Amino acid sequence: MLSKILEVTELNIQVAGKPLIERLSFTIYTNTLLCITGDNGVGKTTLINHLLKAAKSTQEHQSHINFNTSFEAIQVIPQFRNIDDDYPLSIQNFVTLNLIKQWRPWLTDLEKEKLSKILSLVNLTTIKNRPLGEASGGEKQRAYLAQALIAHPKLLILDESTSNLDRESRINLLHLVKTIINQENIAVIFITHDPELVKLFGDVELHISNRHGVMTKLR
């Protein structure tokens, strides 16, 4: 059964006193991949930052943005992280950095079980002890995905997370994301410039142009 995660109604966003997005409305549900598309500069990432700020707000009610989940249940995977080739932390240790209340120098049996499940889900079990700095681009993105998933999110935001990957890695990552959406009952917002990925994997497209958004149901 689909559950509403986020509803945006008649949202206006201004930057430096000038309108960037006007009267934007959309809804996202669990088990859904919402693709946000549009040219550079139309406000895609600004929109996400605006939504995250609203989710973090202590106000009980937002006039235009209503989340049915907590800020802690939202995870963001950015386009780029500064992980160099000498980064020594293993993939599995990197993933555990996102465990809530990570104040112990060890993992509980429950946390070990959770880590094992996540690594298996994103196909990283066989290389879990490899330093993250030695991983390929696709393996790094899967590690970032695993780190987000270990926090048990209800909403996952991919901010152009495939832009630096080759075609095969992009398709493999989105195929994995679609599998996770169904298995974990989560919603995903995916910002992308890749029409092939939208066509292959998107459930709904929100295209932003000329300060307005147009929703198209793809599946």
C-alpha atoms as a PDB file:
ATOM      1  CA  MET A   1       0.000   0.000   0.000  1.00  0.00           C
ATOM      2  CA  LEU A   2       1.348   3.419  -0.986  1.00  0.00           C
ATOM      3  CA  SER A   3       1.825   6.009   1.747  1.00  0.00           C
ATOM      4  CA  LYS A   4       2.244   9.730   1.230  1.00  0.00           C
ATOM      5  CA  ILE A   5       5.741  10.898   2.224  1.00  0.00           C
ATOM      6  CA  LEU A   6       5.738  14.502   1.028  1.00  0.00           C
ATOM      7  CA  GLU A   7       3.175  16.937  -0.317  1.00  0.00           C
ATOM      8  CA  VAL A   8       4.152  20.297  -1.810  1.00  0.00           C
ATOM      9  CA  THR A   9       1.386  22.785  -2.575  1.00  0.00           C
ATOM     10  CA  GLU A  10       1.682  26.105  -4.431  1.00  0.00           C
ATOM     11  CA  LEU A  11       5.310  26.560  -3.379  1.00  0.00           C
ATOM     12  CA  ASN A  12       7.197  29.716  -4.380  1.00  0.00           C
ATOM     13  CA  ILE A  13      10.977  30.018  -4.058  1.00  0.00           C
ATOM     14  CA  GLN A  14      12.947  33.212  -4.484  1.00  0.00           C
ATOM     15  CA  VAL A  15      16.703  33.711  -4.736  1.00  0.00           C
ATOM     16  CA  ALA A  16      18.156  37.179  -4.097  1.00  0.00           C
ATOM     17  CA  GLY A  17      14.643  38.588  -4.215  1.00  0.00           C
ATOM     18  CA  LYS A  18      13.899  37.153  -7.652  1.00  0.00           C
ATOM     19  CA  PRO A  19      11.420  34.320  -8.355  1.00  0.00           C
ATOM     20  CA  LEU A  20      13.083  31.001  -9.167  1.00  0.00           C
ATOM     21  CA  ILE A  21      10.135  28.593  -8.812  1.00  0.00           C
ATOM     22  CA  GLU A  22       6.470  29.566  -8.732  1.00  0.00           C
ATOM     23  CA  ARG A  23       3.331  27.726  -7.611  1.00  0.00           C
ATOM     24  CA  LEU A  24       4.975  24.311  -7.573  1.00  0.00           C
ATOM     25  CA  SER A  25       2.814  21.396  -6.445  1.00  0.00           C
ATOM     26  CA  PHE A  26       3.634  17.683  -6.296  1.00  0.00           C
ATOM     27  CA  THR A  27       3.248  14.636  -4.078  1.00  0.00           C
ATOM     28  CA  ILE A  28       5.566  11.682  -3.565  1.00  0.00           C
ATOM     29  CA  TYR A  29       4.571   8.295  -2.176  1.00  0.00           C
ATOM     30  CA  THR A  30       6.434   5.239  -0.945  1.00  0.00           C
ATOM     31  CA  ASN A  31       7.524   2.706  -3.585  1.00  0.00           C
ATOM     32  CA  THR A  32       7.972   5.575  -6.039  1.00  0.00           C
ATOM     33  CA  LEU A  33      10.939   6.988  -7.951  1.00  0.00           C
ATOM     34  CA  LEU A  34      10.293  10.672  -8.665  1.00  0.00           C
ATOM     35  CA  CYS A  35      12.706  12.111 -11.245  1.00  0.00           C
ATOM     36  CA  ILE A  36      13.311  15.869 -11.130  1.00  0.00           C
ATOM     37  CA  THR A  37      14.581  17.153 -14.466  1.00  0.00           C
ATOM     38  CA  GLY A  38      15.344  20.503 -16.086  1.00  0.00           C
ATOM     39  CA  ASP A  39      18.188  22.608 -17.399  1.00  0.00           C
ATOM     40  CA  ASN A  40      21.002  23.873 -15.185  1.00  0.00           C
ATOM     41  CA  GLY A  41      19.944  26.865 -13.144  1.00  0.00           C
ATOM     42  CA  VAL A  42      16.194  26.164 -13.021  1.00  0.00           C
ATOM     43  CA  GLY A  43      16.361  25.454  -9.290  1.00  0.00           C
ATOM     44  CA  LYS A  44      16.434  21.665  -8.881  1.00  0.00           C
ATOM     45  CA  THR A  45      19.054  21.551  -6.113  1.00  0.00           C
ATOM     46  CA  THR A  46      17.718  24.776  -4.605  1.00  0.00           C
ATOM     47  CA  LEU A  47      14.327  23.081  -4.358  1.00  0.00           C
ATOM     48  CA  ILE A  48      15.833  20.116  -2.520  1.00  0.00           C
ATOM     49  CA  ASN A  49      17.679  22.405  -0.096  1.00  0.00           C
ATOM     50  CA  HIS A  50      14.428  24.276   0.516  1.00  0.00           C
ATOM     51  CA  LEU A  51      12.590  21.026   1.247  1.00  0.00           C
ATOM     52  CA  LEU A  52      15.323  19.829   3.614  1.00  0.00           C
ATOM     53  CA  LYS A  53      15.247  23.129   5.481  1.00  0.00           C
ATOM     54  CA  ALA A  54      11.497  22.771   5.899  1.00  0.00           C
ATOM     55  CA  ALA A  55      11.862  19.172   7.099  1.00  0.00           C
ATOM     56  CA  LYS A  56      14.396  20.268   9.703  1.00  0.00           C
ATOM     57  CA  SER A  57      12.219  23.113  10.945  1.00  0.00           C
ATOM     58  CA  THR A  58      10.750  22.810  14.428  1.00  0.00           C
ATOM     59  CA  GLN A  59       7.486  24.324  13.241  1.00  0.00           C
ATOM     60  CA  GLU A  60       4.630  21.855  13.458  1.00  0.00           C
ATOM     61  CA  HIS A  61       3.021  22.980  10.218  1.00  0.00           C
ATOM     62  CA  GLN A  62       4.447  24.255   6.959  1.00  0.00           C
ATOM     63  CA  SER A  63       2.049  26.218   4.799  1.00  0.00           C
ATOM     64  CA  HIS A  64       3.325  24.769   1.514  1.00  0.00           C
ATOM     65  CA  ILE A  65       5.478  21.764   2.461  1.00  0.00           C
ATOM     66  CA  ASN A  66       4.138  18.847   4.467  1.00  0.00           C
ATOM     67  CA  PHE A  67       6.295  15.848   5.334  1.00  0.00           C
ATOM     68  CA  ASN A  68       4.825  12.666   6.760  1.00  0.00           C
ATOM     69  CA  THR A  69       8.225  11.602   8.019  1.00  0.00           C
ATOM     70  CA  SER A  70      10.916  13.062  10.267  1.00  0.00           C
ATOM     71  CA  PHE A  71      14.062  14.863   9.145  1.00  0.00           C
ATOM     72  CA  GLU A  72      16.096  11.962  10.558  1.00  0.00           C
ATOM     73  CA  ALA A  73      14.307   9.603   8.125  1.00  0.00           C
ATOM     74  CA  ILE A  74      15.593  11.548   5.099  1.00  0.00           C
ATOM     75  CA  GLN A  75      18.953  10.678   3.542  1.00  0.00           C
ATOM     76  CA  VAL A  76      20.763  12.543   0.743  1.00  0.00           C
ATOM     77  CA  ILE A  77      23.355  11.077  -1.634  1.00  0.00           C
ATOM     78  CA  PRO A  78      25.178  13.983  -3.317  1.00  0.00           C
ATOM     79  CA  GLN A  79      26.763  14.138  -6.746  1.00  0.00           C
ATOM     80  CA  PHE A  80      30.338  14.198  -5.478  1.00  0.00           C
ATOM     81  CA  ARG A  81      32.283  13.518  -2.294  1.00  0.00           C
ATOM     82  CA  ASN A  82      35.933  14.328  -1.810  1.00  0.00           C
ATOM     83  CA  ILE A  83      37.188  10.749  -1.377  1.00  0.00           C
ATOM     84  CA  ASP A  84      40.740  10.467  -2.667  1.00  0.00           C
ATOM     85  CA  ASP A  85      42.661   7.330  -3.632  1.00  0.00           C
ATOM     86  CA  ASP A  86      44.430   7.197  -0.249  1.00  0.00           C
ATOM     87  CA  TYR A  87      41.234   7.210   1.832  1.00  0.00           C
ATOM     88  CA  PRO A  88      41.976   4.315   4.222  1.00  0.00           C
ATOM     89  CA  LEU A  89      38.589   3.468   5.748  1.00  0.00           C
ATOM     90  CA  SER A  90      37.179   0.165   4.517  1.00  0.00           C
ATOM     91  CA  ILE A  91      33.860   0.099   2.703  1.00  0.00           C
ATOM     92  CA  GLN A  92      32.054  -1.586   5.581  1.00  0.00           C
ATOM     93  CA  ASN A  93      33.507   0.814   8.166  1.00  0.00           C
ATOM     94  CA  PHE A  94      32.540   3.763   5.972  1.00  0.00           C
ATOM     95  CA  VAL A  95      28.972   2.474   5.811  1.00  0.00           C
ATOM     96  CA  THR A  96      28.748   2.198   9.613  1.00  0.00           C
ATOM     97  CA  LEU A  97      29.608   5.901  10.035  1.00  0.00           C
ATOM     98  CA  ASN A  98      25.910   6.618   9.531  1.00  0.00           C
ATOM     99  CA  LEU A  99      24.685   4.411  12.337  1.00  0.00           C
ATOM    100  CA  ILE A 100      22.641   6.435  14.809  1.00  0.00           C
ATOM    101  CA  LYS A 101      24.326   7.012  18.191  1.00  0.00           C
ATOM    102  CA  GLN A 102      27.628   5.617  17.011  1.00  0.00           C
ATOM    103  CA  TRP A 103      29.405   6.173  20.333  1.00  0.00           C
ATOM    104  CA  ARG A 104      30.720   2.646  20.859  1.00  0.00           C
ATOM    105  CA  PRO A 105      33.965   1.347  19.269  1.00  0.00           C
ATOM    106  CA  TRP A 106      32.134  -1.869  18.334  1.00  0.00           C
ATOM    107  CA  LEU A 107      28.880  -2.971  16.742  1.00  0.00           C
ATOM    108  CA  THR A 108      26.102  -4.823  18.505  1.00  0.00           C
ATOM    109  CA  ASP A 109      24.929  -8.137  17.083  1.00  0.00           C
ATOM    110  CA  LEU A 110      21.834  -6.380  15.723  1.00  0.00           C
ATOM    111  CA  GLU A 111      23.966  -3.733  14.027  1.00  0.00           C
ATOM    112  CA  LYS A 112      26.239  -6.397  12.534  1.00  0.00           C
ATOM    113  CA  GLU A 113      23.186  -8.163  11.141  1.00  0.00           C
ATOM    114  CA  LYS A 114      21.890  -4.893   9.710  1.00  0.00           C
ATOM    115  CA  LEU A 115      25.264  -4.090   8.133  1.00  0.00           C
ATOM    116  CA  SER A 116      25.480  -7.544   6.568  1.00  0.00           C
ATOM    117  CA  LYS A 117      21.994  -7.172   5.086  1.00  0.00           C
ATOM    118  CA  ILE A 118      22.743  -3.738   3.602  1.00  0.00           C
ATOM    119  CA  LEU A 119      26.086  -4.791   2.107  1.00  0.00           C
ATOM    120  CA  SER A 120      24.416  -7.790   0.513  1.00  0.00           C
ATOM    121  CA  LEU A 121      21.578  -5.632  -0.802  1.00  0.00           C
ATOM    122  CA  VAL A 122      23.974  -3.288  -2.634  1.00  0.00           C
ATOM    123  CA  ASN A 123      26.315  -6.083  -3.797  1.00  0.00           C
ATOM    124  CA  LEU A 124      29.328  -5.012  -1.735  1.00  0.00           C
ATOM    125  CA  THR A 125      29.808  -8.076   0.480  1.00  0.00           C
ATOM    126  CA  THR A 126      32.765  -9.483  -1.438  1.00  0.00           C
ATOM    127  CA  ILE A 127      34.714  -6.208  -1.304  1.00  0.00           C
ATOM    128  CA  LYS A 128      33.561  -4.948   2.111  1.00  0.00           C
ATOM    129  CA  ASN A 129      37.129  -4.886   3.477  1.00  0.00           C
ATOM    130  CA  ARG A 130      38.554  -2.954   0.534  1.00  0.00           C
ATOM    131  CA  PRO A 131      39.601   0.647   1.305  1.00  0.00           C
ATOM    132  CA  LEU A 132      36.950   2.971  -0.090  1.00  0.00           C
ATOM    133  CA  GLY A 133      39.667   5.005  -1.812  1.00  0.00           C
ATOM    134  CA  GLU A 134      40.520   1.994  -3.979  1.00  0.00           C
ATOM    135  CA  ALA A 135      36.925   1.410  -5.067  1.00  0.00           C
ATOM    136  CA  SER A 136      35.664   2.266  -8.548  1.00  0.00           C
ATOM    137  CA  GLY A 137      33.198   5.077  -9.136  1.00  0.00           C
ATOM    138  CA  GLY A 138      30.257   2.690  -9.238  1.00  0.00           C
ATOM    139  CA  GLU A 139      31.428   0.903  -6.084  1.00  0.00           C
ATOM    140  CA  LYS A 140      31.785   4.231  -4.269  1.00  0.00           C
ATOM    141  CA  GLN A 141      28.244   5.221  -5.191  1.00  0.00           C
ATOM    142  CA  ARG A 142      26.959   1.886  -3.924  1.00  0.00           C
ATOM    143  CA  ALA A 143      28.876   2.485  -0.681  1.00  0.00           C
ATOM    144  CA  TYR A 144      27.235   5.928  -0.359  1.00  0.00           C
ATOM    145  CA  LEU A 145      23.892   4.259  -0.999  1.00  0.00           C
ATOM    146  CA  ALA A 146      24.589   1.640   1.672  1.00  0.00           C
ATOM    147  CA  GLN A 147      25.612   4.342   4.148  1.00  0.00           C
ATOM    148  CA  ALA A 148      22.290   6.096   3.545  1.00  0.00           C
ATOM    149  CA  LEU A 149      20.258   2.884   3.797  1.00  0.00           C
ATOM    150  CA  ILE A 150      21.767   1.820   7.119  1.00  0.00           C
ATOM    151  CA  ALA A 151      19.983   4.795   8.698  1.00  0.00           C
ATOM    152  CA  HIS A 152      16.680   3.201   7.600  1.00  0.00           C
ATOM    153  CA  PRO A 153      15.339   6.188   5.628  1.00  0.00           C
ATOM    154  CA  LYS A 154      11.783   6.669   4.413  1.00  0.00           C
ATOM    155  CA  LEU A 155      12.868   9.221   1.794  1.00  0.00           C
ATOM    156  CA  LEU A 156      16.103   8.954  -0.189  1.00  0.00           C
ATOM    157  CA  ILE A 157      17.326  11.879  -2.308  1.00  0.00           C
ATOM    158  CA  LEU A 158      19.841  11.294  -5.104  1.00  0.00           C
ATOM    159  CA  ASP A 159      21.247  14.662  -6.184  1.00  0.00           C
ATOM    160  CA  GLU A 160      22.714  13.876  -9.634  1.00  0.00           C
ATOM    161  CA  SER A 161      24.434  10.882  -8.055  1.00  0.00           C
ATOM    162  CA  THR A 162      25.025   9.188 -11.420  1.00  0.00           C
ATOM    163  CA  SER A 163      26.556  12.130 -13.299  1.00  0.00           C
ATOM    164  CA  ASN A 164      30.176  10.962 -12.963  1.00  0.00           C
ATOM    165  CA  LEU A 165      29.501   7.299 -13.816  1.00  0.00           C
ATOM    166  CA  ASP A 166      29.714   5.487 -17.138  1.00  0.00           C
ATOM    167  CA  ARG A 167      26.502   4.256 -18.757  1.00  0.00           C
ATOM    168  CA  GLU A 168      26.727   0.704 -17.402  1.00  0.00           C
ATOM    169  CA  SER A 169      27.354   1.919 -13.848  1.00  0.00           C
ATOM    170  CA  ARG A 170      24.483   4.429 -14.086  1.00  0.00           C
ATOM    171  CA  ILE A 171      22.028   1.777 -15.209  1.00  0.00           C
ATOM    172  CA  ASN A 172      23.243  -0.736 -12.619  1.00  0.00           C
ATOM    173  CA  LEU A 173      22.898   1.824  -9.825  1.00  0.00           C
ATOM    174  CA  LEU A 174      19.355   2.823 -10.798  1.00  0.00           C
ATOM    175  CA  HIS A 175      18.337  -0.810 -11.233  1.00  0.00           C
ATOM    176  CA  LEU A 176      19.587  -1.359  -7.681  1.00  0.00           C
ATOM    177  CA  VAL A 177      17.704   1.706  -6.422  1.00  0.00           C
ATOM    178  CA  LYS A 178      14.464   0.422  -7.963  1.00  0.00           C
ATOM    179  CA  THR A 179      14.951  -2.938  -6.252  1.00  0.00           C
ATOM    180  CA  ILE A 180      15.544  -1.198  -2.916  1.00  0.00           C
ATOM    181  CA  ILE A 181      12.450   0.991  -3.364  1.00  0.00           C
ATOM    182  CA  ASN A 182      10.286  -2.109  -3.587  1.00  0.00           C
ATOM    183  CA  GLN A 183      12.052  -4.140  -0.913  1.00  0.00           C
ATOM    184  CA  GLU A 184      12.394  -1.381   1.669  1.00  0.00           C
ATOM    185  CA  ASN A 185       9.128   0.470   0.952  1.00  0.00           C
ATOM    186  CA  ILE A 186      10.770   3.876   0.551  1.00  0.00           C
ATOM    187  CA  ALA A 187      10.367   6.902  -1.705  1.00  0.00           C
ATOM    188  CA  VAL A 188      13.208   8.247  -3.848  1.00  0.00           C
ATOM    189  CA  ILE A 189      13.715  11.690  -5.369  1.00  0.00           C
ATOM    190  CA  PHE A 190      16.267  11.548  -8.179  1.00  0.00           C
ATOM    191  CA  ILE A 191      17.669  14.747  -9.717  1.00  0.00           C
ATOM    192  CA  THR A 192      19.074  13.942 -13.145  1.00  0.00           C
ATOM    193  CA  HIS A 193      19.939  15.218 -16.621  1.00  0.00           C
ATOM    194  CA  ASP A 194      19.834  11.692 -18.052  1.00  0.00           C
ATOM    195  CA  PRO A 195      16.655  11.084 -20.105  1.00  0.00           C
ATOM    196  CA  GLU A 196      17.536   7.406 -20.553  1.00  0.00           C
ATOM    197  CA  LEU A 197      17.456   6.790 -16.799  1.00  0.00           C
ATOM    198  CA  VAL A 198      14.167   8.675 -16.496  1.00  0.00           C
ATOM    199  CA  LYS A 199      12.629   6.541 -19.256  1.00  0.00           C
ATOM    200  CA  LEU A 200      13.970   3.246 -17.922  1.00  0.00           C
ATOM    201  CA  PHE A 201      13.382   3.685 -14.202  1.00  0.00           C
ATOM    202  CA  GLY A 202      11.248   6.718 -13.372  1.00  0.00           C
ATOM    203  CA  ASP A 203       7.711   6.356 -12.029  1.00  0.00           C
ATOM    204  CA  VAL A 204       6.954  10.080 -12.141  1.00  0.00           C
ATOM    205  CA  GLU A 205       8.812  12.995 -13.736  1.00  0.00           C
ATOM    206  CA  LEU A 206       8.763  16.539 -12.391  1.00  0.00           C
ATOM    207  CA  HIS A 207      10.193  18.749 -15.126  1.00  0.00           C
ATOM    208  CA  ILE A 208      11.063  22.307 -14.067  1.00  0.00           C
ATOM    209  CA  SER A 209      11.207  24.986 -16.743  1.00  0.00           C
ATOM    210  CA  ASN A 210      10.450  28.714 -16.853  1.00  0.00           C
ATOM    211  CA  ARG A 211       9.891  28.765 -13.075  1.00  0.00           C
ATOM    212  CA  HIS A 212       7.137  26.124 -13.217  1.00  0.00           C
ATOM    213  CA  GLY A 213       6.995  22.369 -12.747  1.00  0.00           C
ATOM    214  CA  VAL A 214       5.104  19.878 -14.880  1.00  0.00           C
ATOM    215  CA  MET A 215       4.314  16.418 -13.519  1.00  0.00           C
ATOM    216  CA  THR A 216       4.156  13.409 -15.841  1.00  0.00           C
ATOM    217  CA  LYS A 217       3.260   9.897 -14.727  1.00  0.00           C
ATOM    218  CA  LEU A 218       5.598   7.436 -16.434  1.00  0.00           C
ATOM    219  CA  ARG A 219       4.325   4.153 -14.955  1.00  0.00           C
END
